Amino acid sequence: MFPNRALIALGSNVGNWKINFNVCLKELRKISYITAIANIYMSKPYGYKLQNNFYNTAVELKTSSNPLQLMKKLQLIEKKMHKNKTIENGPRRIDIDIIFFNHLKFDQKVLTIPHPRATTRDFVIYPLFDIDPFYKHPVEKKSIKQLKMEIKDIYILRKIMQPKDSFVIY
């Protein structure tokens, strides 16, 4: 029923991040089956610096959608939650990115998988490491564990908590 595996990154720095992540998880459960939730990390902003710190996590989904269908469903969740992105890499209530989809290499105008900048961002790699350190990047041919060790720029300020401590499970 849910033949595809997607690893999704979540970020929030507008409003209450716990509420934002809980609402997002509730919406994700309507379109997929969540099999894992990573730790939550607080990180300094990437790109546009004049904004609040971000809270980041990742989830593993099982889905019957293909990558483009999943992207459209995730964009609807962002819209429903009033993503409010007005500046590139700027503040937002929720940001949902497909990082990996099975072991697919997918490159179209509207979507690239694996996410092209994931390997340089600790706030993406660390939560993915929590879920599956041995997942092999389909382009880099390295495990998440290896990619984590190669991160040069550090944005994470601290690990906040385990997901069971922060999320209401609907």
Foldseek 3Di string as FASTA:
>chain_A
DQAKKWKKKKKAFPDDLLVLVQLLVVLVVVFWAWDDKFFKFWFQQDDDRPGGTMIMIMTMTRGPDDPVVVVVSSVVSQVVVVQVDDDVSDHGGMDMDTQAMHQDADDDPVDGPNPPCQLQALSNLVNVCRVPQQDANNPVRGGSVVSNVVHDDGGTPGGDGGVVVRYDDD
